[in-house]
Amino acid sequence: MAEALARALARDRGLQLDFASAGTAAGAGDEASPEAREAMARRGLDLSAHRARPLDAALLDETDLVLVMEPQQLRVLDSFPQAAGKARLLSEWAGEPEPGPPVAYPYGGSQDDYDSAADLLERYLARGLPES
């Protein structure tokens, strides 16, 4: 969801940025859940072609910035030397005036959980990405 939202927002703002998503517990090739597809469809975005990929050192080598949803994901990144100095909690990166809540990983949750996660992702990305 974060990648789709970031791509759409960057496109709308005329930004030339590359985005890639990877999961700390993702199964390679897994499709987006029906709840994630529904949450994005409500925003006019299509996740039908999305396939999950696990986080790995090669992706981190190519990355300038790694944004994570939850603090425990930062701890997972500690095991990757390639992530040193690149990883940030999304809410902090967004520059929330007060520390914002982390984006709870909705996998296995209800549609409301996915919609809430999408709302927070959208809010943080809108605050963090430059206007153009």
N, C-alpha and C. Protein backbone atom coordinates (compact mmCIF):
# COMPACT_ATOMS: atom_id res chain seq x y z
N MET A 1 0.83 -1.19 0.00
CA MET A 1 0.00 0.00 0.00
C MET A 1 0.87 1.25 0.00
N ALA A 2 1.94 1.22 0.79
CA ALA A 2 2.80 2.40 0.89
C ALA A 2 3.44 2.73 -0.45
N GLU A 3 3.90 1.71 -1.15
CA GLU A 3 4.53 1.96 -2.45
C GLU A 3 3.53 2.56 -3.43
N ALA A 4 2.34 2.01 -3.50
CA ALA A 4 1.32 2.51 -4.42
C ALA A 4 0.95 3.95 -4.08
N LEU A 5 0.78 4.23 -2.80
CA LEU A 5 0.44 5.60 -2.38
C LEU A 5 1.58 6.57 -2.68
N ALA A 6 2.82 6.15 -2.40
CA ALA A 6 3.97 7.03 -2.65
C ALA A 6 4.12 7.31 -4.13
N ARG A 7 3.99 6.29 -4.97
CA ARG A 7 4.09 6.50 -6.42
C ARG A 7 3.03 7.48 -6.92
N ALA A 8 1.80 7.30 -6.47
CA ALA A 8 0.71 8.17 -6.92
C ALA A 8 0.93 9.60 -6.46
N LEU A 9 1.33 9.77 -5.22
CA LEU A 9 1.56 11.11 -4.69
C LEU A 9 2.72 11.80 -5.41
N ALA A 10 3.81 11.06 -5.62
CA ALA A 10 4.96 11.63 -6.32
C ALA A 10 4.58 12.01 -7.74
N ARG A 11 3.83 11.16 -8.42
CA ARG A 11 3.37 11.46 -9.78
C ARG A 11 2.52 12.74 -9.77
N ASP A 12 1.59 12.83 -8.84
CA ASP A 12 0.71 14.00 -8.77
C ASP A 12 1.48 15.28 -8.47
N ARG A 13 2.60 15.15 -7.77
CA ARG A 13 3.42 16.32 -7.43
C ARG A 13 4.53 16.58 -8.44
N GLY A 14 4.59 15.77 -9.50
CA GLY A 14 5.60 15.96 -10.52
C GLY A 14 7.00 15.58 -10.08
N LEU A 15 7.11 14.67 -9.13
CA LEU A 15 8.42 14.25 -8.61
C LEU A 15 8.92 13.02 -9.36
N GLN A 16 10.19 12.99 -9.64
CA GLN A 16 10.83 11.85 -10.30
C GLN A 16 11.56 11.03 -9.23
N LEU A 17 10.85 10.13 -8.59
CA LEU A 17 11.41 9.31 -7.52
C LEU A 17 11.12 7.85 -7.80
N ASP A 18 12.01 6.98 -7.35
CA ASP A 18 11.81 5.54 -7.47
C ASP A 18 11.40 5.00 -6.10
N PHE A 19 10.48 4.06 -6.12
CA PHE A 19 10.01 3.43 -4.89
C PHE A 19 10.04 1.92 -5.07
N ALA A 20 10.34 1.23 -4.01
CA ALA A 20 10.29 -0.23 -3.99
C ALA A 20 9.86 -0.64 -2.60
N SER A 21 8.96 -1.59 -2.54
CA SER A 21 8.54 -2.07 -1.23
C SER A 21 9.08 -3.48 -1.03
N ALA A 22 9.34 -3.77 0.21
CA ALA A 22 9.79 -5.11 0.60
C ALA A 22 9.33 -5.33 2.03
N GLY A 23 9.10 -6.56 2.36
CA GLY A 23 8.60 -6.87 3.69
C GLY A 23 9.62 -7.59 4.53
N THR A 24 9.59 -7.31 5.82
CA THR A 24 10.47 -8.02 6.74
C THR A 24 9.96 -9.43 7.00
N ALA A 25 8.70 -9.69 6.65
CA ALA A 25 8.13 -11.03 6.81
C ALA A 25 7.32 -11.42 5.58
N ALA A 26 7.68 -10.88 4.42
CA ALA A 26 6.91 -11.11 3.20
C ALA A 26 7.30 -12.44 2.56
N GLY A 27 6.31 -13.10 1.99
CA GLY A 27 6.57 -14.29 1.19
C GLY A 27 6.77 -13.87 -0.25
N ALA A 28 7.86 -14.27 -0.84
CA ALA A 28 8.17 -13.86 -2.22
C ALA A 28 7.04 -14.24 -3.16
N GLY A 29 6.56 -13.26 -3.91
CA GLY A 29 5.54 -13.49 -4.91
C GLY A 29 4.11 -13.46 -4.42
N ASP A 30 3.91 -13.27 -3.13
CA ASP A 30 2.54 -13.22 -2.61
C ASP A 30 1.80 -12.01 -3.19
N GLU A 31 0.53 -12.21 -3.48
CA GLU A 31 -0.32 -11.11 -3.95
C GLU A 31 -0.72 -10.24 -2.77
N ALA A 32 -1.10 -9.01 -3.08
CA ALA A 32 -1.67 -8.13 -2.05
C ALA A 32 -2.95 -8.77 -1.54
N SER A 33 -3.20 -8.60 -0.26
CA SER A 33 -4.41 -9.18 0.33
C SER A 33 -5.65 -8.51 -0.26
N PRO A 34 -6.78 -9.18 -0.20
CA PRO A 34 -8.03 -8.55 -0.68
C PRO A 34 -8.31 -7.24 0.06
N GLU A 35 -7.99 -7.19 1.34
CA GLU A 35 -8.24 -5.97 2.11
C GLU A 35 -7.34 -4.81 1.65
N ALA A 36 -6.09 -5.12 1.34
CA ALA A 36 -5.19 -4.08 0.82
C ALA A 36 -5.65 -3.61 -0.55
N ARG A 37 -6.06 -4.55 -1.40
CA ARG A 37 -6.57 -4.17 -2.73
C ARG A 37 -7.80 -3.28 -2.60
N GLU A 38 -8.68 -3.60 -1.66
CA GLU A 38 -9.89 -2.80 -1.45
C GLU A 38 -9.54 -1.41 -0.93
N ALA A 39 -8.64 -1.33 0.03
CA ALA A 39 -8.24 -0.03 0.59
C ALA A 39 -7.65 0.87 -0.50
N MET A 40 -6.87 0.29 -1.40
CA MET A 40 -6.27 1.08 -2.48
C MET A 40 -7.29 1.39 -3.57
N ALA A 41 -8.19 0.47 -3.85
CA ALA A 41 -9.22 0.72 -4.86
C ALA A 41 -10.08 1.91 -4.47
N ARG A 42 -10.32 2.08 -3.18
CA ARG A 42 -11.09 3.23 -2.70
C ARG A 42 -10.37 4.54 -2.98
N ARG A 43 -9.07 4.46 -3.23
CA ARG A 43 -8.25 5.64 -3.54
C ARG A 43 -7.91 5.70 -5.03
N GLY A 44 -8.54 4.83 -5.81
CA GLY A 44 -8.30 4.82 -7.25
C GLY A 44 -7.00 4.15 -7.67
N LEU A 45 -6.45 3.31 -6.80
CA LEU A 45 -5.18 2.64 -7.10
C LEU A 45 -5.40 1.13 -7.21
N ASP A 46 -4.66 0.50 -8.10
CA ASP A 46 -4.83 -0.91 -8.41
C ASP A 46 -3.62 -1.70 -7.93
N LEU A 47 -3.84 -2.64 -7.02
CA LEU A 47 -2.77 -3.49 -6.51
C LEU A 47 -2.81 -4.89 -7.12
N SER A 48 -3.58 -5.10 -8.18
CA SER A 48 -3.73 -6.46 -8.70
C SER A 48 -2.41 -7.04 -9.22
N ALA A 49 -1.50 -6.21 -9.68
CA ALA A 49 -0.22 -6.71 -10.19
C ALA A 49 0.87 -6.78 -9.11
N HIS A 50 0.58 -6.29 -7.93
CA HIS A 50 1.59 -6.27 -6.87
C HIS A 50 1.96 -7.69 -6.44
N ARG A 51 3.26 -7.91 -6.27
CA ARG A 51 3.77 -9.16 -5.72
C ARG A 51 4.78 -8.80 -4.63
N ALA A 52 4.65 -9.45 -3.50
CA ALA A 52 5.52 -9.18 -2.36
C ALA A 52 6.94 -9.66 -2.64
N ARG A 53 7.87 -8.97 -1.98
CA ARG A 53 9.25 -9.44 -2.02
C ARG A 53 9.86 -9.23 -0.65
N PRO A 54 10.63 -10.20 -0.22
CA PRO A 54 11.28 -10.06 1.08
C PRO A 54 12.41 -9.04 1.03
N LEU A 55 12.62 -8.38 2.12
CA LEU A 55 13.73 -7.45 2.25
C LEU A 55 15.03 -8.23 2.15
N ASP A 56 15.99 -7.69 1.38
CA ASP A 56 17.29 -8.35 1.29
C ASP A 56 18.40 -7.31 1.13
N ALA A 57 19.62 -7.77 1.27
CA ALA A 57 20.78 -6.89 1.22
C ALA A 57 20.92 -6.20 -0.13
N ALA A 58 20.61 -6.90 -1.21
CA ALA A 58 20.74 -6.31 -2.55
C ALA A 58 19.84 -5.09 -2.71
N LEU A 59 18.61 -5.19 -2.26
CA LEU A 59 17.70 -4.04 -2.35
C LEU A 59 18.22 -2.89 -1.49
N LEU A 60 18.69 -3.19 -0.31
CA LEU A 60 19.20 -2.15 0.58
C LEU A 60 20.44 -1.47 -0.02
N ASP A 61 21.25 -2.21 -0.76
CA ASP A 61 22.42 -1.62 -1.42
C ASP A 61 22.00 -0.53 -2.41
N GLU A 62 20.84 -0.71 -3.05
CA GLU A 62 20.36 0.20 -4.09
C GLU A 62 19.54 1.36 -3.53
N THR A 63 19.33 1.38 -2.24
CA THR A 63 18.38 2.28 -1.62
C THR A 63 19.06 3.44 -0.90
N ASP A 64 18.47 4.63 -1.04
CA ASP A 64 18.97 5.81 -0.33
C ASP A 64 18.26 6.01 1.01
N LEU A 65 17.00 5.59 1.08
CA LEU A 65 16.17 5.81 2.26
C LEU A 65 15.27 4.60 2.45
N VAL A 66 15.17 4.14 3.68
CA VAL A 66 14.28 3.02 4.02
C VAL A 66 13.30 3.54 5.05
N LEU A 67 12.02 3.52 4.70
CA LEU A 67 10.97 3.96 5.62
C LEU A 67 10.23 2.73 6.13
N VAL A 68 10.07 2.66 7.44
CA VAL A 68 9.38 1.52 8.04
C VAL A 68 8.14 2.02 8.78
N MET A 69 7.19 1.11 8.92
CA MET A 69 5.92 1.46 9.53
C MET A 69 5.97 1.40 11.05
N GLU A 70 6.70 0.43 11.59
CA GLU A 70 6.69 0.17 13.03
C GLU A 70 8.11 0.11 13.59
N PRO A 71 8.29 0.48 14.85
CA PRO A 71 9.63 0.44 15.46
C PRO A 71 10.30 -0.93 15.39
N GLN A 72 9.55 -2.01 15.53
CA GLN A 72 10.19 -3.33 15.50
C GLN A 72 10.82 -3.62 14.14
N GLN A 73 10.33 -2.97 13.08
CA GLN A 73 10.95 -3.14 11.77
C GLN A 73 12.33 -2.48 11.73
N LEU A 74 12.51 -1.42 12.50
CA LEU A 74 13.84 -0.82 12.61
C LEU A 74 14.81 -1.81 13.24
N ARG A 75 14.34 -2.55 14.20
CA ARG A 75 15.20 -3.54 14.86
C ARG A 75 15.60 -4.65 13.90
N VAL A 76 14.70 -5.06 13.02
CA VAL A 76 15.03 -6.06 12.01
C VAL A 76 16.13 -5.53 11.09
N LEU A 77 16.05 -4.26 10.76
CA LEU A 77 17.05 -3.66 9.86
C LEU A 77 18.43 -3.58 10.50
N ASP A 78 18.50 -3.65 11.82
CA ASP A 78 19.80 -3.64 12.50
C ASP A 78 20.68 -4.81 12.05
N SER A 79 20.07 -5.87 11.55
CA SER A 79 20.85 -7.03 11.11
C SER A 79 21.40 -6.87 9.70
N PHE A 80 21.08 -5.76 9.03
CA PHE A 80 21.57 -5.47 7.69
C PHE A 80 22.53 -4.29 7.73
N PRO A 81 23.82 -4.51 7.56
CA PRO A 81 24.76 -3.37 7.55
C PRO A 81 24.44 -2.38 6.43
N GLN A 82 23.82 -2.84 5.36
CA GLN A 82 23.47 -1.97 4.22
C GLN A 82 22.41 -0.93 4.59
N ALA A 83 21.71 -1.13 5.70
CA ALA A 83 20.66 -0.21 6.13
C ALA A 83 21.18 0.88 7.06
N ALA A 84 22.44 0.78 7.45
CA ALA A 84 22.99 1.74 8.41
C ALA A 84 22.85 3.17 7.89
N GLY A 85 22.24 4.00 8.71
CA GLY A 85 22.06 5.41 8.37
C GLY A 85 20.96 5.70 7.37
N LYS A 86 20.27 4.68 6.90
CA LYS A 86 19.22 4.86 5.88
C LYS A 86 17.80 4.69 6.43
N ALA A 87 17.65 4.02 7.55
CA ALA A 87 16.32 3.62 8.01
C ALA A 87 15.72 4.66 8.94
N ARG A 88 14.44 4.93 8.70
CA ARG A 88 13.69 5.89 9.51
C ARG A 88 12.26 5.38 9.70
N LEU A 89 11.70 5.71 10.83
CA LEU A 89 10.29 5.44 11.07
C LEU A 89 9.48 6.44 10.24
N LEU A 90 8.52 5.97 9.50
CA LEU A 90 7.75 6.81 8.58
C LEU A 90 7.15 8.04 9.27
N SER A 91 6.60 7.85 10.45
CA SER A 91 5.97 8.98 11.15
C SER A 91 6.99 10.06 11.50
N GLU A 92 8.21 9.66 11.86
CA GLU A 92 9.25 10.65 12.18
C GLU A 92 9.75 11.34 10.91
N TRP A 93 9.96 10.56 9.85
CA TRP A 93 10.40 11.12 8.57
C TRP A 93 9.41 12.17 8.06
N ALA A 94 8.13 11.93 8.32
CA ALA A 94 7.08 12.84 7.84
C ALA A 94 7.10 14.17 8.57
N GLY A 95 7.84 14.25 9.68
CA GLY A 95 7.93 15.51 10.40
C GLY A 95 6.66 15.87 11.14
N GLU A 96 5.99 14.87 11.66
CA GLU A 96 4.79 15.14 12.45
C GLU A 96 5.13 16.09 13.59
N PRO A 97 4.29 17.11 13.85
CA PRO A 97 4.58 18.04 14.92
C PRO A 97 4.67 17.36 16.29
N GLU A 98 3.85 16.37 16.51
CA GLU A 98 3.91 15.51 17.70
C GLU A 98 4.28 14.13 17.16
N PRO A 99 4.99 13.35 17.92
CA PRO A 99 5.28 12.00 17.41
C PRO A 99 3.98 11.30 17.03
N GLY A 100 3.85 10.97 15.78
CA GLY A 100 2.64 10.30 15.31
C GLY A 100 2.68 8.82 15.64
N PRO A 101 1.52 8.20 15.62
CA PRO A 101 1.50 6.76 15.90
C PRO A 101 2.18 6.01 14.77
N PRO A 102 2.80 4.88 15.07
CA PRO A 102 3.33 4.05 14.00
C PRO A 102 2.17 3.50 13.18
N VAL A 103 2.46 3.10 11.98
CA VAL A 103 1.44 2.48 11.14
C VAL A 103 1.41 1.00 11.49
N ALA A 104 0.34 0.57 12.10
CA ALA A 104 0.22 -0.83 12.50
C ALA A 104 0.14 -1.72 11.27
N TYR A 105 0.95 -2.75 11.26
CA TYR A 105 0.95 -3.70 10.15
C TYR A 105 -0.39 -4.43 10.14
N PRO A 106 -1.21 -4.26 9.11
CA PRO A 106 -2.58 -4.77 9.16
C PRO A 106 -2.76 -6.23 8.75
N TYR A 107 -1.69 -6.89 8.29
CA TYR A 107 -1.85 -8.24 7.75
C TYR A 107 -2.63 -9.14 8.71
N GLY A 108 -3.67 -9.77 8.17
CA GLY A 108 -4.50 -10.66 8.97
C GLY A 108 -5.61 -9.93 9.71
N GLY A 109 -5.65 -8.60 9.59
CA GLY A 109 -6.66 -7.82 10.27
C GLY A 109 -7.91 -7.61 9.42
N SER A 110 -8.77 -6.78 9.93
CA SER A 110 -10.03 -6.47 9.26
C SER A 110 -9.84 -5.41 8.18
N GLN A 111 -10.89 -5.20 7.41
CA GLN A 111 -10.84 -4.13 6.41
C GLN A 111 -10.62 -2.78 7.09
N ASP A 112 -11.20 -2.58 8.25
CA ASP A 112 -10.97 -1.34 9.00
C ASP A 112 -9.50 -1.16 9.35
N ASP A 113 -8.81 -2.26 9.70
CA ASP A 113 -7.38 -2.19 10.00
C ASP A 113 -6.59 -1.73 8.78
N TYR A 114 -6.93 -2.27 7.63
CA TYR A 114 -6.25 -1.89 6.39
C TYR A 114 -6.56 -0.44 6.02
N ASP A 115 -7.81 -0.04 6.17
CA ASP A 115 -8.18 1.34 5.86
C ASP A 115 -7.48 2.32 6.79
N SER A 116 -7.39 1.98 8.07
CA SER A 116 -6.69 2.84 9.02
C SER A 116 -5.21 2.95 8.68
N ALA A 117 -4.59 1.83 8.33
CA ALA A 117 -3.18 1.85 7.94
C ALA A 117 -3.00 2.69 6.68
N ALA A 118 -3.88 2.54 5.72
CA ALA A 118 -3.79 3.32 4.48
C ALA A 118 -3.95 4.81 4.77
N ASP A 119 -4.86 5.17 5.66
CA ASP A 119 -5.05 6.57 6.02
C ASP A 119 -3.77 7.17 6.61
N LEU A 120 -3.14 6.43 7.53
CA LEU A 120 -1.90 6.92 8.13
C LEU A 120 -0.77 6.99 7.12
N LEU A 121 -0.64 5.96 6.28
CA LEU A 121 0.39 5.98 5.25
C LEU A 121 0.22 7.21 4.36
N GLU A 122 -1.01 7.44 3.94
CA GLU A 122 -1.29 8.58 3.06
C GLU A 122 -0.95 9.90 3.75
N ARG A 123 -1.32 10.03 5.01
CA ARG A 123 -1.03 11.25 5.77
C ARG A 123 0.48 11.49 5.88
N TYR A 124 1.22 10.46 6.27
CA TYR A 124 2.65 10.62 6.46
C TYR A 124 3.36 10.88 5.13
N LEU A 125 2.98 10.17 4.09
CA LEU A 125 3.62 10.40 2.79
C LEU A 125 3.32 11.80 2.27
N ALA A 126 2.10 12.27 2.45
CA ALA A 126 1.74 13.62 2.00
C ALA A 126 2.55 14.67 2.73
N ARG A 127 2.81 14.44 4.01
CA ARG A 127 3.62 15.40 4.79
C ARG A 127 5.10 15.33 4.43
N GLY A 128 5.59 14.12 4.15
CA GLY A 128 7.02 13.93 3.95
C GLY A 128 7.54 14.19 2.56
N LEU A 129 6.74 13.91 1.55
CA LEU A 129 7.21 14.12 0.18
C LEU A 129 7.13 15.61 -0.18
N PRO A 130 8.14 16.13 -0.85
CA PRO A 130 8.12 17.54 -1.22
C PRO A 130 6.97 17.84 -2.20
N GLU A 131 6.57 19.09 -2.21
CA GLU A 131 5.48 19.51 -3.10
C GLU A 131 5.90 19.40 -4.57
N SER A 132 7.12 19.67 -4.91
CA SER A 132 7.66 19.47 -6.27
C SER A 132 9.02 20.11 -6.38
